[in-house]
Protein backbone atom coordinates (compact mmCIF):
# COMPACT_ATOMS: atom_id res chain seq x y z
CA MET A 1 -4.73 -24.07 -47.48
CA TRP A 2 -4.83 -22.52 -50.97
CA GLU A 3 -2.46 -21.76 -53.79
CA ARG A 4 -0.68 -18.45 -53.46
CA LYS A 5 -2.25 -15.75 -55.61
CA HIS A 6 -0.34 -12.90 -57.20
CA HIS A 7 -3.38 -10.58 -57.43
CA ASP A 8 -6.48 -10.06 -55.29
CA ASN A 9 -4.61 -11.78 -52.47
CA GLN A 10 -5.47 -9.76 -49.37
CA ASN A 11 -7.19 -12.85 -47.92
CA GLN A 12 -3.80 -14.56 -48.00
CA LYS A 13 -1.79 -11.79 -46.36
CA TRP A 14 -1.43 -11.29 -42.64
CA SER A 15 0.17 -8.86 -40.23
CA VAL A 16 1.41 -9.60 -36.76
CA GLU A 17 0.40 -7.32 -33.86
CA GLY A 18 1.96 -8.58 -30.67
CA HIS A 19 0.67 -12.14 -30.38
CA PHE A 20 -2.27 -11.56 -32.75
CA ILE A 21 -2.15 -12.70 -36.39
CA VAL A 22 -4.38 -10.30 -38.31
CA SER A 23 -6.00 -10.72 -41.72
CA ARG A 24 -5.18 -7.79 -43.98
CA ALA A 25 -8.45 -8.29 -45.81
CA SER A 26 -10.81 -7.97 -42.85
CA GLY A 27 -8.83 -6.99 -39.74
CA LEU A 28 -10.14 -10.16 -38.07
CA VAL A 29 -7.63 -12.26 -36.15
CA LEU A 30 -6.71 -15.91 -36.16
CA ASP A 31 -8.79 -17.77 -33.57
CA VAL A 32 -9.44 -21.34 -32.37
CA ASN A 33 -13.00 -22.33 -33.22
CA GLY A 34 -15.10 -22.37 -30.05
CA GLY A 35 -12.01 -21.88 -27.89
CA SER A 36 -11.54 -25.63 -28.10
CA HIS A 37 -8.75 -27.39 -26.21
CA GLN A 38 -9.02 -30.47 -28.40
CA GLN A 39 -6.49 -31.67 -30.93
CA GLY A 40 -7.91 -31.21 -34.39
CA ALA A 41 -9.68 -27.94 -33.53
CA HIS A 42 -10.26 -25.74 -36.59
CA LEU A 43 -8.71 -22.33 -37.10
CA ILE A 44 -11.06 -19.46 -37.96
CA VAL A 45 -10.93 -15.65 -38.08
CA TRP A 46 -12.86 -13.65 -35.48
CA PRO A 47 -13.02 -10.12 -34.01
CA ARG A 48 -10.15 -9.51 -31.62
CA LYS A 49 -11.03 -9.97 -27.96
CA HIS A 50 -9.56 -7.82 -25.18
CA HIS A 51 -10.09 -10.41 -22.43
CA ASP A 52 -9.99 -14.21 -22.30
CA ASN A 53 -8.11 -14.14 -25.57
CA PHE A 54 -5.49 -16.86 -25.21
CA ASN A 55 -7.14 -18.77 -28.08
CA GLN A 56 -6.31 -15.77 -30.30
CA ARG A 57 -2.68 -15.41 -29.27
CA PHE A 58 0.11 -17.21 -31.10
CA SER A 59 3.90 -17.34 -31.04
CA PHE A 60 6.43 -18.22 -33.72
CA VAL A 61 8.89 -20.62 -32.08
CA PRO A 62 11.83 -22.50 -33.59
CA ASN A 63 11.22 -25.65 -31.55
CA PHE A 64 8.61 -26.70 -29.05
CA GLU A 65 10.69 -29.13 -27.01
CA PHE A 66 12.64 -28.72 -23.81
CA LEU A 67 16.27 -29.72 -23.57
CA VAL A 68 16.31 -32.82 -21.36
CA THR A 69 19.42 -34.20 -19.68
CA LYS A 70 19.22 -37.50 -17.82
CA THR A 71 21.32 -38.78 -14.92
CA PRO A 72 20.89 -42.07 -13.03
CA GLN A 73 18.72 -40.40 -10.38
CA VAL A 74 17.07 -37.35 -11.87
CA THR A 75 15.83 -35.78 -15.06
CA ILE A 76 16.67 -32.09 -15.42
CA ILE A 77 14.17 -30.16 -17.49
CA GLN A 78 15.01 -26.92 -19.28
CA GLN A 79 18.31 -26.21 -17.57
CA GLN A 80 19.04 -22.71 -18.80
CA GLN A 81 22.39 -20.95 -18.99
CA TYR A 82 22.60 -18.09 -16.55
CA THR A 83 23.12 -14.58 -17.86
CA PRO A 84 23.92 -11.89 -15.28
CA PRO A 85 21.70 -8.80 -15.22
CA PRO A 86 22.96 -5.61 -16.86
CA GLN A 87 24.59 -3.12 -14.56
CA GLN A 88 22.59 -0.05 -13.60
CA TYR A 89 24.54 3.15 -13.17
CA MET A 90 23.10 6.05 -11.22
CA PRO A 91 24.60 9.43 -12.09
CA GLN A 92 26.71 11.08 -9.39
CA ASN A 93 23.91 13.58 -8.79
CA PHE A 94 21.20 10.96 -9.22
CA GLY A 95 17.68 12.16 -8.57
CA GLN A 96 18.31 15.58 -10.06
CA PRO A 97 16.45 15.92 -13.35
CA PRO A 98 17.20 15.97 -16.17
CA VAL A 99 20.32 13.80 -15.79
CA ALA A 100 20.09 10.80 -18.12
CA VAL A 101 20.19 7.26 -16.78
CA VAL A 102 22.74 5.12 -18.58
CA TYR A 103 21.60 1.53 -18.78
CA GLU A 104 24.22 -0.73 -20.33
CA ASN A 105 23.13 -3.21 -23.01
CA SER A 106 19.51 -2.19 -22.54
CA ASN A 107 18.32 -3.41 -25.93
CA PRO A 108 19.40 -7.05 -25.60
CA ASN A 109 18.47 -7.07 -21.92
CA ALA A 110 14.83 -6.04 -21.74
CA CYS A 111 13.56 -6.35 -18.18
CA PHE A 112 10.36 -6.85 -16.25
CA ILE A 113 9.39 -3.91 -14.01
CA ARG A 114 8.20 -5.51 -10.79
CA CYS A 115 6.13 -3.77 -8.12
CA HIS A 116 7.45 -4.40 -4.61
CA ASP A 117 3.96 -4.36 -3.10
CA THR A 118 2.41 -7.28 -4.99
CA GLY A 119 5.16 -8.82 -7.12
CA PHE A 120 3.07 -8.08 -10.23
CA VAL A 121 4.79 -6.55 -13.26
CA LEU A 122 4.00 -3.77 -15.72
CA ASP A 123 1.90 -5.02 -18.63
CA VAL A 124 0.02 -3.54 -21.58
CA LYS A 125 -3.72 -3.74 -20.97
CA GLY A 126 -5.35 -6.36 -23.16
CA GLY A 127 -2.08 -6.92 -25.01
CA ASN A 128 -3.14 -3.97 -27.18
CA PHE A 129 -0.02 -2.36 -28.69
CA GLN A 130 -1.75 0.88 -29.63
CA PRO A 131 -1.08 4.47 -28.54
CA GLY A 132 -3.37 5.33 -25.65
CA THR A 133 -3.46 1.83 -24.13
CA HIS A 134 -3.29 1.92 -20.34
CA ILE A 135 -0.46 0.28 -18.42
CA VAL A 136 -1.56 -2.18 -15.74
CA LEU A 137 -0.08 -4.66 -13.29
CA TRP A 138 -0.35 -8.37 -14.06
CA HIS A 139 1.25 -11.60 -12.95
CA LYS A 140 4.56 -12.30 -14.64
CA LYS A 141 4.16 -14.46 -17.74
CA PHE A 142 6.61 -16.91 -19.27
CA GLY A 143 8.31 -17.36 -22.61
CA ASN A 144 6.79 -15.60 -25.58
CA ASP A 145 3.67 -14.74 -23.55
CA ALA A 146 5.82 -12.26 -21.62
CA PHE A 147 6.62 -10.17 -24.69
CA ASN A 148 4.32 -7.29 -23.65
CA GLN A 149 5.84 -7.23 -20.14
CA LYS A 150 9.45 -6.53 -21.04
CA TRP A 151 10.77 -2.99 -21.17
CA VAL A 152 13.94 -1.21 -22.23
CA ILE A 153 15.22 2.03 -20.76
CA THR A 154 17.18 4.33 -23.06
CA PRO A 155 19.98 6.75 -22.12
CA GLU A 156 17.50 9.59 -22.69
CA GLY A 157 15.14 8.21 -20.05
CA PHE A 158 12.46 6.72 -22.33
CA LEU A 159 10.91 3.41 -21.28
CA HIS A 160 9.80 1.54 -24.37
CA LEU A 161 8.24 -1.83 -24.92
CA GLN A 162 10.61 -4.56 -26.11
CA GLY A 163 10.52 -4.63 -29.90
CA TYR A 164 8.53 -1.37 -30.07
CA PRO A 165 11.03 1.48 -29.62
CA HIS A 166 8.44 3.93 -30.94
CA LEU A 167 5.95 3.10 -28.12
CA VAL A 168 6.96 4.52 -24.74
CA LEU A 169 5.52 5.09 -21.30
CA ASP A 170 3.70 8.43 -21.21
CA VAL A 171 1.46 10.25 -18.75
CA GLU A 172 -2.10 10.74 -19.99
CA GLY A 173 -3.48 14.24 -20.45
CA ASN A 174 -2.03 17.02 -18.32
CA GLY A 175 0.08 14.70 -16.20
CA GLY A 176 -1.15 15.77 -12.78
CA ALA A 177 -1.36 13.61 -9.65
CA GLY A 178 -3.66 10.65 -10.27
CA THR A 179 -3.16 10.69 -14.04
CA ARG A 180 -2.91 7.26 -15.62
CA VAL A 181 0.16 5.98 -17.44
CA ILE A 182 -0.25 4.90 -21.06
CA LEU A 183 1.61 3.81 -24.15
CA TRP A 184 2.16 6.59 -26.67
CA GLU A 185 4.17 7.33 -29.77
CA ARG A 186 7.62 8.58 -28.85
CA LYS A 187 7.93 12.33 -29.39
CA HIS A 188 11.09 14.10 -30.48
CA HIS A 189 10.12 17.44 -28.93
CA ASN A 190 8.09 18.43 -25.85
CA ASN A 191 8.59 14.94 -24.51
CA GLU A 192 9.19 15.46 -20.78
CA ASN A 193 5.99 13.48 -20.04
CA GLN A 194 7.68 10.51 -21.67
CA ARG A 195 11.00 10.68 -19.87
CA TRP A 196 11.82 9.31 -16.44
CA PHE A 197 14.66 9.23 -13.96
CA PHE A 198 15.36 7.04 -10.94
CA GLU A 199 15.79 7.73 -7.24
CA GLY A 200 16.45 4.44 -5.52
CA GLN A 201 13.43 2.32 -6.38
CA PHE A 202 11.19 5.22 -7.36
CA ILE A 203 10.52 5.90 -11.06
CA VAL A 204 10.09 9.65 -11.38
CA SER A 205 8.45 11.70 -14.14
CA ARG A 206 10.77 14.40 -15.45
CA ALA A 207 7.78 16.55 -16.31
CA SER A 208 6.22 16.76 -12.85
CA GLY A 209 8.48 15.04 -10.30
CA LEU A 210 5.58 12.71 -9.51
CA VAL A 211 6.39 9.00 -9.19
CA LEU A 212 4.97 5.86 -10.69
CA ASP A 213 2.24 4.49 -8.40
CA VAL A 214 -0.46 1.80 -8.34
CA GLU A 215 -3.92 3.37 -8.49
CA GLY A 216 -5.64 3.10 -5.11
CA GLY A 217 -2.82 0.95 -3.76
CA SER A 218 -4.69 -1.96 -5.32
CA HIS A 219 -3.52 -5.56 -4.90
CA GLN A 220 -5.65 -6.72 -7.82
CA GLU A 221 -4.40 -7.89 -11.18
CA GLY A 222 -5.29 -5.27 -13.77
CA ALA A 223 -4.69 -2.33 -11.42
CA HIS A 224 -3.80 0.81 -13.39
CA LEU A 225 -0.50 2.66 -13.12
CA ILE A 226 -0.68 6.37 -12.30
CA VAL A 227 1.66 9.13 -11.18
CA TRP A 228 1.38 10.44 -7.63
CA GLN A 229 3.24 12.39 -4.96
CA ARG A 230 6.03 10.37 -3.44
CA LYS A 231 5.18 8.88 -0.06
CA HIS A 232 7.71 8.51 2.74
CA HIS A 233 5.86 5.66 4.48
CA ASP A 234 3.64 2.80 3.25
CA ASN A 235 5.13 3.29 -0.20
CA LEU A 236 5.66 -0.26 -1.49
CA ASN A 237 3.13 0.48 -4.26
CA GLN A 238 5.52 3.19 -5.49
CA ARG A 239 8.65 1.05 -5.46
CA PHE A 240 9.74 -0.95 -8.48
CA SER A 241 12.67 -3.09 -9.56
CA PHE A 242 13.98 -3.94 -13.02
CA VAL A 243 14.51 -7.70 -13.14
CA GLN A 244 15.63 -9.82 -16.05
CA ASP A 245 13.78 -12.91 -14.99
CA PHE A 246 11.51 -13.52 -12.06
CA GLN A 247 13.06 -16.83 -11.19
CA TRP A 248 16.77 -16.17 -11.21
CA SER A 249 17.74 -12.54 -11.19
CA SER A 250 17.89 -9.91 -8.51
CA PRO A 251 16.81 -6.27 -8.88
CA VAL A 252 19.22 -4.20 -10.91
CA ILE A 253 17.72 -0.81 -10.18
CA GLY A 254 18.53 1.24 -7.14
CA TYR A 255 22.31 1.27 -7.10
CA SER A 256 23.89 4.56 -6.17
CA SER A 257 27.11 5.47 -7.89
CA PRO A 258 29.70 4.15 -8.09
CA PRO A 259 27.90 1.08 -9.41
CA VAL A 260 27.75 -1.95 -7.16
CA ALA A 261 28.07 -5.39 -8.72
CA ALA A 262 25.17 -7.65 -7.76
CA TYR A 263 25.88 -11.31 -7.19
CA VAL A 264 23.07 -13.56 -8.37
CA SER A 265 22.96 -17.28 -7.78
CA PRO A 266 22.80 -19.49 -10.86
CA PRO A 267 19.38 -20.74 -11.87
CA ILE A 268 17.82 -23.68 -10.10
CA ALA A 269 16.84 -26.52 -12.39
CA SER A 270 13.33 -27.98 -12.22
CA TYR A 271 13.46 -31.62 -11.33
CA MET A 272 11.12 -34.48 -12.17
CA THR A 273 11.30 -37.70 -10.19
CA PRO A 274 9.37 -40.93 -10.53
CA VAL A 275 6.49 -41.31 -8.07
CA GLY A 276 7.87 -42.46 -4.74
CA ALA A 277 11.51 -41.83 -5.68
CA PRO A 278 13.70 -39.66 -3.43
CA ILE A 279 13.82 -36.00 -4.38
CA ILE A 280 17.31 -34.79 -5.20
CA ILE A 281 17.69 -31.03 -5.54
CA ALA A 282 21.10 -29.44 -5.82
CA ASN A 283 21.97 -27.47 -2.68
CA SER A 284 18.70 -28.57 -1.09
CA GLY A 285 19.94 -27.18 2.21
CA ASP A 286 19.55 -23.70 0.74
CA ALA A 287 16.10 -22.38 1.62
CA LYS A 288 14.03 -21.24 -1.33
CA PHE A 289 10.75 -19.49 -2.01
CA ILE A 290 7.99 -21.66 -3.51
CA ARG A 291 6.41 -19.43 -6.15
CA CYS A 292 3.01 -20.02 -7.74
CA HIS A 293 3.07 -19.62 -11.52
CA ASP A 294 -0.46 -18.20 -11.61
CA THR A 295 0.05 -15.10 -9.46
CA GLY A 296 3.75 -14.89 -8.61
CA PHE A 297 2.84 -15.07 -4.90
CA VAL A 298 4.82 -17.39 -2.66
CA LEU A 299 4.00 -19.89 0.08
CA ASP A 300 3.76 -18.20 3.47
CA VAL A 301 2.70 -19.08 7.01
CA GLN A 302 -0.63 -17.42 7.83
CA HIS A 303 -0.15 -14.37 10.09
CA GLY A 304 3.50 -15.40 10.57
CA ASN A 305 2.29 -17.86 13.22
CA ILE A 306 5.05 -20.47 13.23
CA ARG A 307 3.33 -23.27 15.12
CA ALA A 308 1.71 -26.62 14.38
CA GLY A 309 -1.72 -26.29 12.79
CA THR A 310 -1.17 -22.93 11.07
CA HIS A 311 -2.56 -22.77 7.53
CA ILE A 312 -0.28 -22.21 4.54
CA ILE A 313 -1.30 -19.34 2.26
CA LEU A 314 -0.02 -17.33 -0.70
CA TRP A 315 1.43 -13.86 -0.11
CA HIS A 316 3.62 -11.38 -1.95
CA LYS A 317 7.31 -12.12 -1.63
CA LYS A 318 8.90 -10.26 1.27
CA HIS A 319 12.46 -9.04 1.70
CA GLY A 320 15.22 -9.51 4.24
CA HIS A 321 14.34 -10.97 7.65
CA GLU A 322 10.62 -10.51 6.93
CA ALA A 323 10.92 -13.33 4.40
CA ASN A 324 12.01 -15.96 6.93
CA ASN A 325 8.53 -17.51 7.08
CA GLN A 326 8.46 -17.77 3.26
CA LYS A 327 11.61 -19.83 2.78
CA TRP A 328 11.46 -23.59 2.61
CA VAL A 329 13.85 -26.52 2.45
CA ILE A 330 13.01 -29.80 0.73
CA THR A 331 14.76 -32.86 2.14
CA SER A 332 15.89 -36.05 0.44
CA GLU A 333 12.99 -37.88 2.16
CA GLY A 334 10.45 -35.50 0.61
CA PHE A 335 9.65 -33.33 3.66
CA ILE A 336 9.24 -29.59 2.99
CA HIS A 337 10.12 -27.69 6.18
CA LEU A 338 10.28 -24.04 7.09
CA GLN A 339 13.75 -22.49 7.13
CA GLY A 340 15.22 -22.77 10.60
CA HIS A 341 12.37 -25.03 11.76
CA PRO A 342 13.20 -28.54 10.50
CA HIS A 343 10.59 -29.99 12.89
CA LEU A 344 7.72 -28.05 11.20
CA VAL A 345 6.76 -29.44 7.79
CA LEU A 346 4.00 -29.12 5.20
CA ASP A 347 1.17 -31.49 6.07
CA ILE A 348 -2.43 -32.11 4.92
CA GLU A 349 -5.02 -31.07 7.48
CA GLY A 350 -6.84 -33.96 9.11
CA GLY A 351 -5.12 -36.41 6.80
CA GLY A 352 -8.01 -35.56 4.47
CA GLY A 353 -8.44 -35.98 0.74
CA LYS A 354 -9.26 -33.62 -2.11
CA GLY A 355 -9.90 -30.05 -0.95
CA SER A 356 -8.10 -30.45 2.39
CA LYS A 357 -6.03 -27.46 3.43
CA VAL A 358 -2.26 -27.57 3.79
CA ILE A 359 -0.85 -26.73 7.22
CA LEU A 360 2.33 -26.69 9.26
CA TRP A 361 2.68 -29.68 11.55
CA GLU A 362 5.28 -31.42 13.67
CA LYS A 363 7.41 -33.78 11.58
CA LYS A 364 6.44 -37.39 12.22
CA HIS A 365 8.87 -40.29 12.10
CA HIS A 366 6.19 -42.88 11.31
CA ASP A 367 2.91 -42.80 9.36
CA ASN A 368 4.15 -39.65 7.68
CA ALA A 369 3.04 -40.05 4.04
CA ASN A 370 0.80 -36.96 4.47
CA GLN A 371 3.95 -34.95 5.11
CA ARG A 372 6.00 -36.20 2.19
CA TRP A 373 5.92 -34.91 -1.36
CA HIS A 374 7.52 -35.59 -4.72
CA ILE A 375 8.06 -33.23 -7.63
CA ASP A 376 6.56 -33.97 -11.05
CA GLY A 377 7.68 -31.15 -13.35
CA HIS A 378 6.20 -28.05 -11.67
CA PHE A 379 3.61 -30.06 -9.71
CA ILE A 380 4.15 -30.78 -6.00
CA VAL A 381 2.48 -34.13 -5.43
CA SER A 382 1.33 -35.68 -2.17
CA ARG A 383 2.74 -39.16 -1.66
CA SER A 384 -0.32 -40.25 0.32
CA HIS A 385 -3.37 -39.27 -1.69
CA HIS A 386 -3.40 -40.94 -5.09
CA GLY A 387 -1.59 -38.17 -6.91
CA LEU A 388 -3.33 -35.12 -5.40
CA VAL A 389 -1.25 -31.99 -5.99
CA LEU A 390 -0.68 -28.69 -4.25
CA ASP A 391 -3.33 -26.21 -5.46
CA VAL A 392 -4.61 -22.70 -4.70
CA GLU A 393 -8.10 -22.89 -3.19
CA GLY A 394 -10.71 -21.74 -5.70
CA GLY A 395 -7.99 -20.66 -8.14
CA SER A 396 -7.90 -17.39 -6.17
CA HIS A 397 -5.68 -14.51 -7.26
CA ARG A 398 -5.90 -12.86 -3.85
CA GLU A 399 -3.20 -12.58 -1.25
CA GLY A 400 -4.05 -14.84 1.64
CA ALA A 401 -5.51 -17.61 -0.53
CA HIS A 402 -5.22 -20.99 1.17
CA LEU A 403 -3.20 -23.90 -0.19
CA ILE A 404 -5.06 -27.19 -0.61
CA VAL A 405 -4.56 -30.52 -2.36
CA TRP A 406 -6.62 -31.29 -5.46
CA ASP A 407 -6.76 -33.53 -8.51
CA LYS A 408 -4.06 -32.70 -11.03
CA LYS A 409 -5.47 -30.72 -13.96
CA HIS A 410 -4.26 -31.01 -17.54
CA PHE A 411 -5.51 -27.54 -18.63
CA ASP A 412 -5.84 -24.17 -16.86
CA ASN A 413 -3.48 -25.47 -14.21
CA HIS A 414 -1.19 -22.54 -13.45
CA ASN A 415 -2.60 -22.45 -9.90
CA GLN A 416 -1.15 -25.95 -9.47
CA LYS A 417 2.32 -25.17 -10.83
CA PHE A 418 5.12 -23.99 -8.56
CA SER A 419 8.84 -23.30 -8.74
CA PHE A 420 11.52 -23.41 -6.05
CA VAL A 421 13.42 -20.15 -6.50
CA HIS A 422 16.02 -18.02 -4.80
CA GLY A 423 15.20 -14.37 -4.13
CA TRP A 424 14.37 -12.04 -7.01
């Protein structure tokens, strides 16, 4: 802290670039000394990092606390008011360039652009809001951390980053098949490379007719976005949805005209119960996906093998009837069973301790603590093993990662945090 100076004060002036707070004197950014997680850690300035940079990213927030409402049986944490998604109108001759897409209330309703293949969303590589930065896929973030994942579509067909109307999606170089997608300054002329139209769930370049695609069909975080010829089969890596929020809203892209109103269920509150208390979730009979906060993948039954002893894994969220083995019901006794199979519940393999895998098993009527769980915030806690929680083995970001139980972590714990959500 120092007294404000009226001259020679560049050391006291800062600019904000995304989540980085940048010294005007040196171009260095605000950083936490040593990347410490301790209270009392000092603030320093340091060269901006492009990876592992959470200790350099900051948000201005009006208040840090959640709104908490208490009832005799349950504490509801962060119960948010539901806002329906904006309506998407497809022109009568949709798919014929250069008809403009009209997207109502696009500015106040910036959306995530979610890939159907992995559930990852479009992101700006390294959080670098500069022309030429590549667009990649990444797991959906939350709150202010999601700022560089929200996009607005204009009536002219530009897709710009929320808060940066001058930075739009563009096709690098000559724009041929395999060319990567980047951020670039919006052009007022010769801008076909920056304008897009929609055919169902395909996002199509007006310049070439090529569609947005994931390079190499990759399932990895950080995969680059490119343009490529449209495929008629095995094309989930070319299909995208505009969603307002990953937890509550349904896709709003892909309506043919006249527009079809989409019904979306209200948000599900997160519930915290005391250890050992019954779990009470509104409409608990409604099956829900159990989504991991770290990757956006959901709990699934390995190989779709619905029988006792099958391991539980993470997989991208499926659609329609294919999602039946990804939907779960939590009962008032704390059992979590597969939709339509109330006799098959989540259990801990071998009745083991830390590191044991989670499996499907026949529901037991006695000696069943291994099969019962309680919810502590976003943690799913085993009632039998001294507070062990549901965890992703090895912190893996891969599809097919096994679910285990592990000690609850106080930091770097997104692979232990889950939400019960309706479809998105």
